[in-house]
């Protein structure tokens, strides 16, 4: 929208073929997934500090061709912020995001109590004057009882 405000949206489809082997028995199923997301972000710099606020809505639907057919929907609203410090080639950051599941996947016992979570994230992006860059981050969803979500991500990029 301008130098500080950004709107982005994504939609997609996917298909997964599942094969489960138990001794001589084989169970097969296909999962057709559709998903979409829209978000609004505001970013600004104050000296070497970078601040970002973001609100987003995410939704997905899975349809399994099992007998009987099974469907699963998940929708989430997210609001959060990130603070980063530009230390030259390194940009460490921390992020806090509040999550509200607006639908519950079927079959998850106690998931009605797990609709709210707080995602805590810390990481560092590493930049170079050459073609290689990268980063590493760790995130943890707190305050859920039945659903656990911890993610460690490392990335490496090469500029041509």
Protein backbone atom coordinates (compact mmCIF):
# COMPACT_ATOMS: atom_id res chain seq x y z
CA UNK A 1 0.00 0.00 0.00
CA UNK A 2 2.90 2.33 0.83
CA UNK A 3 6.35 2.22 2.47
CA UNK A 4 4.89 1.06 5.81
CA UNK A 5 1.64 -0.82 5.07
CA UNK A 6 1.44 -4.16 3.26
CA UNK A 7 -1.49 -6.39 2.32
CA UNK A 8 -0.76 -9.87 1.07
CA UNK A 9 -2.90 -12.85 0.21
CA UNK A 10 -2.17 -16.45 -0.76
CA UNK A 11 -4.31 -19.27 -2.05
CA UNK A 12 -3.34 -22.76 -3.00
CA UNK A 13 -4.20 -26.36 -3.57
CA UNK A 14 -2.32 -29.54 -2.84
CA UNK A 15 -2.69 -33.29 -3.01
CA UNK A 16 -1.04 -35.91 -0.84
CA UNK A 17 -1.14 -39.63 -1.56
CA UNK A 18 -0.95 -41.56 1.72
CA UNK A 19 0.15 -45.21 1.92
CA UNK A 20 0.18 -46.98 5.29
CA UNK A 21 1.88 -50.38 5.55
CA UNK A 22 1.18 -52.76 8.44
CA UNK A 23 2.80 -56.06 7.66
CA UNK A 24 1.12 -57.39 4.50
CA UNK A 25 -1.78 -54.88 4.77
CA UNK A 26 -1.72 -51.64 2.80
CA UNK A 27 -4.15 -48.76 3.38
CA UNK A 28 -4.28 -45.99 0.78
CA UNK A 29 -5.90 -42.57 0.93
CA UNK A 30 -5.62 -39.26 -0.87
CA UNK A 31 -5.82 -35.86 0.78
CA UNK A 32 -6.97 -32.89 -1.30
CA UNK A 33 -6.11 -29.63 0.47
CA UNK A 34 -7.17 -26.08 -0.26
CA UNK A 35 -5.89 -23.12 1.73
CA UNK A 36 -5.94 -19.36 1.81
CA UNK A 37 -4.53 -16.53 3.87
CA UNK A 38 -4.77 -12.77 3.99
CA UNK A 39 -2.76 -10.41 6.18
CA UNK A 40 -2.22 -6.74 6.91
CA UNK A 41 1.20 -5.60 8.16
CA UNK A 42 2.69 -2.33 9.35
CA UNK A 43 6.48 -1.91 9.56
CA UNK A 44 8.66 0.99 10.61
CA UNK A 45 12.28 1.64 11.56
CA UNK A 46 13.49 3.69 14.52
CA UNK A 47 17.23 3.99 14.11
CA UNK A 48 18.55 0.43 13.92
CA UNK A 49 15.37 -1.00 15.47
CA UNK A 50 12.75 -2.52 13.18
CA UNK A 51 9.13 -2.88 14.38
CA UNK A 52 6.44 -4.93 12.67
CA UNK A 53 2.78 -5.48 13.54
CA UNK A 54 0.65 -8.01 11.69
CA UNK A 55 -2.94 -9.28 11.65
CA UNK A 56 -3.87 -12.30 9.54
CA UNK A 57 -6.55 -14.86 8.87
CA UNK A 58 -5.66 -18.38 7.66
CA UNK A 59 -7.92 -21.18 6.53
CA UNK A 60 -7.47 -24.71 5.18
CA UNK A 61 -9.69 -27.64 4.26
CA UNK A 62 -8.61 -31.25 3.83
CA UNK A 63 -10.78 -33.86 2.10
CA UNK A 64 -9.72 -37.50 2.46
CA UNK A 65 -11.10 -40.10 0.04
CA UNK A 66 -11.51 -42.68 2.80
CA UNK A 67 -14.68 -44.70 3.38
CA UNK A 68 -16.60 -42.80 4.56
CA UNK A 69 -15.13 -39.58 3.18
CA UNK A 70 -13.58 -37.38 5.85
CA UNK A 71 -13.25 -33.60 5.88
CA UNK A 72 -11.23 -31.41 8.20
CA UNK A 73 -11.28 -27.61 8.37
CA UNK A 74 -9.03 -25.26 10.28
CA UNK A 75 -9.22 -21.49 10.47
CA UNK A 76 -7.05 -19.17 12.57
CA UNK A 77 -6.97 -15.47 13.35
CA UNK A 78 -3.53 -14.16 14.33
CA UNK A 79 -2.35 -10.81 15.74
CA UNK A 80 1.26 -10.18 16.64
CA UNK A 81 4.35 -8.09 16.54
CA UNK A 82 8.07 -8.40 15.93
CA UNK A 83 11.04 -6.37 17.09
CA UNK A 84 14.40 -6.70 15.32
CA UNK A 85 17.76 -4.99 15.61
CA UNK A 86 19.90 -4.29 12.54
CA UNK A 87 23.42 -5.18 13.66
CA UNK A 88 24.88 -5.06 10.14
CA UNK A 89 25.20 -8.57 8.77
CA UNK A 90 23.08 -9.99 11.62
CA UNK A 91 19.46 -9.10 12.41
CA UNK A 92 18.27 -10.83 15.60
CA UNK A 93 14.54 -10.67 16.32
CA UNK A 94 11.82 -11.70 18.73
CA UNK A 95 8.17 -12.18 17.84
CA UNK A 96 4.97 -12.66 19.85
CA UNK A 97 1.74 -13.73 18.11
CA UNK A 98 -1.66 -14.38 19.67
CA UNK A 99 -3.59 -17.16 17.90
CA UNK A 100 -7.31 -17.94 17.98
CA UNK A 101 -8.52 -21.09 16.23
CA UNK A 102 -11.96 -20.24 14.89
CA UNK A 103 -12.69 -23.86 13.89
CA UNK A 104 -11.54 -27.08 15.52
CA UNK A 105 -10.24 -30.12 13.62
CA UNK A 106 -12.53 -33.10 14.25
CA UNK A 107 -11.40 -35.87 16.56
CA UNK A 108 -9.00 -33.85 18.70
CA UNK A 109 -10.06 -34.50 22.29
CA UNK A 110 -10.10 -31.38 24.44
CA UNK A 111 -9.33 -29.12 21.50
CA UNK A 112 -12.12 -26.71 22.45
CA UNK A 113 -9.89 -25.71 25.38
CA UNK A 114 -6.95 -25.27 23.02
CA UNK A 115 -8.42 -22.63 20.73
CA UNK A 116 -6.12 -19.90 22.04
CA UNK A 117 -2.34 -19.89 21.99
CA UNK A 118 0.60 -17.55 22.14
CA UNK A 119 3.43 -18.20 19.71
CA UNK A 120 6.85 -17.08 20.92
CA UNK A 121 9.63 -16.88 18.36
CA UNK A 122 13.29 -15.86 18.34
CA UNK A 123 15.75 -15.94 15.51
CA UNK A 124 18.49 -14.27 13.56
CA UNK A 125 18.76 -13.45 9.85
CA UNK A 126 22.29 -13.42 8.47
CA UNK A 127 23.19 -11.29 5.43
CA UNK A 128 26.40 -11.07 3.46
CA UNK A 129 27.75 -8.92 0.65
CA UNK A 130 28.19 -12.13 -1.34
CA UNK A 131 25.56 -14.42 -2.79
CA UNK A 132 24.91 -16.44 0.43
CA UNK A 133 22.48 -15.46 3.18
CA UNK A 134 20.50 -17.42 5.73
CA UNK A 135 18.94 -17.57 9.12
CA UNK A 136 17.70 -19.70 11.97
CA UNK A 137 14.62 -19.42 14.17
CA UNK A 138 12.80 -21.30 16.90
CA UNK A 139 9.12 -20.92 17.75
CA UNK A 140 6.96 -22.40 20.51
CA UNK A 141 3.19 -22.31 20.96
CA UNK A 142 2.36 -21.80 24.63
CA UNK A 143 -0.91 -22.23 26.53
CA UNK A 144 -2.31 -25.20 24.62
CA UNK A 145 -3.07 -28.44 26.49
CA UNK A 146 -3.70 -31.00 23.75
CA UNK A 147 -1.85 -29.53 20.77
CA UNK A 148 1.93 -29.02 20.80
CA UNK A 149 3.78 -27.03 18.16
CA UNK A 150 7.53 -26.37 18.36
CA UNK A 151 9.39 -25.43 15.18
CA UNK A 152 13.10 -25.07 14.47
CA UNK A 153 13.83 -23.64 11.01
CA UNK A 154 17.12 -22.96 9.28
CA UNK A 155 17.38 -21.49 5.80
CA UNK A 156 20.09 -20.80 3.29
CA UNK A 157 19.63 -18.64 0.22
CA UNK A 158 21.81 -18.06 -2.82
CA UNK A 159 21.50 -14.93 -5.01
CA UNK A 160 22.27 -15.44 -8.69
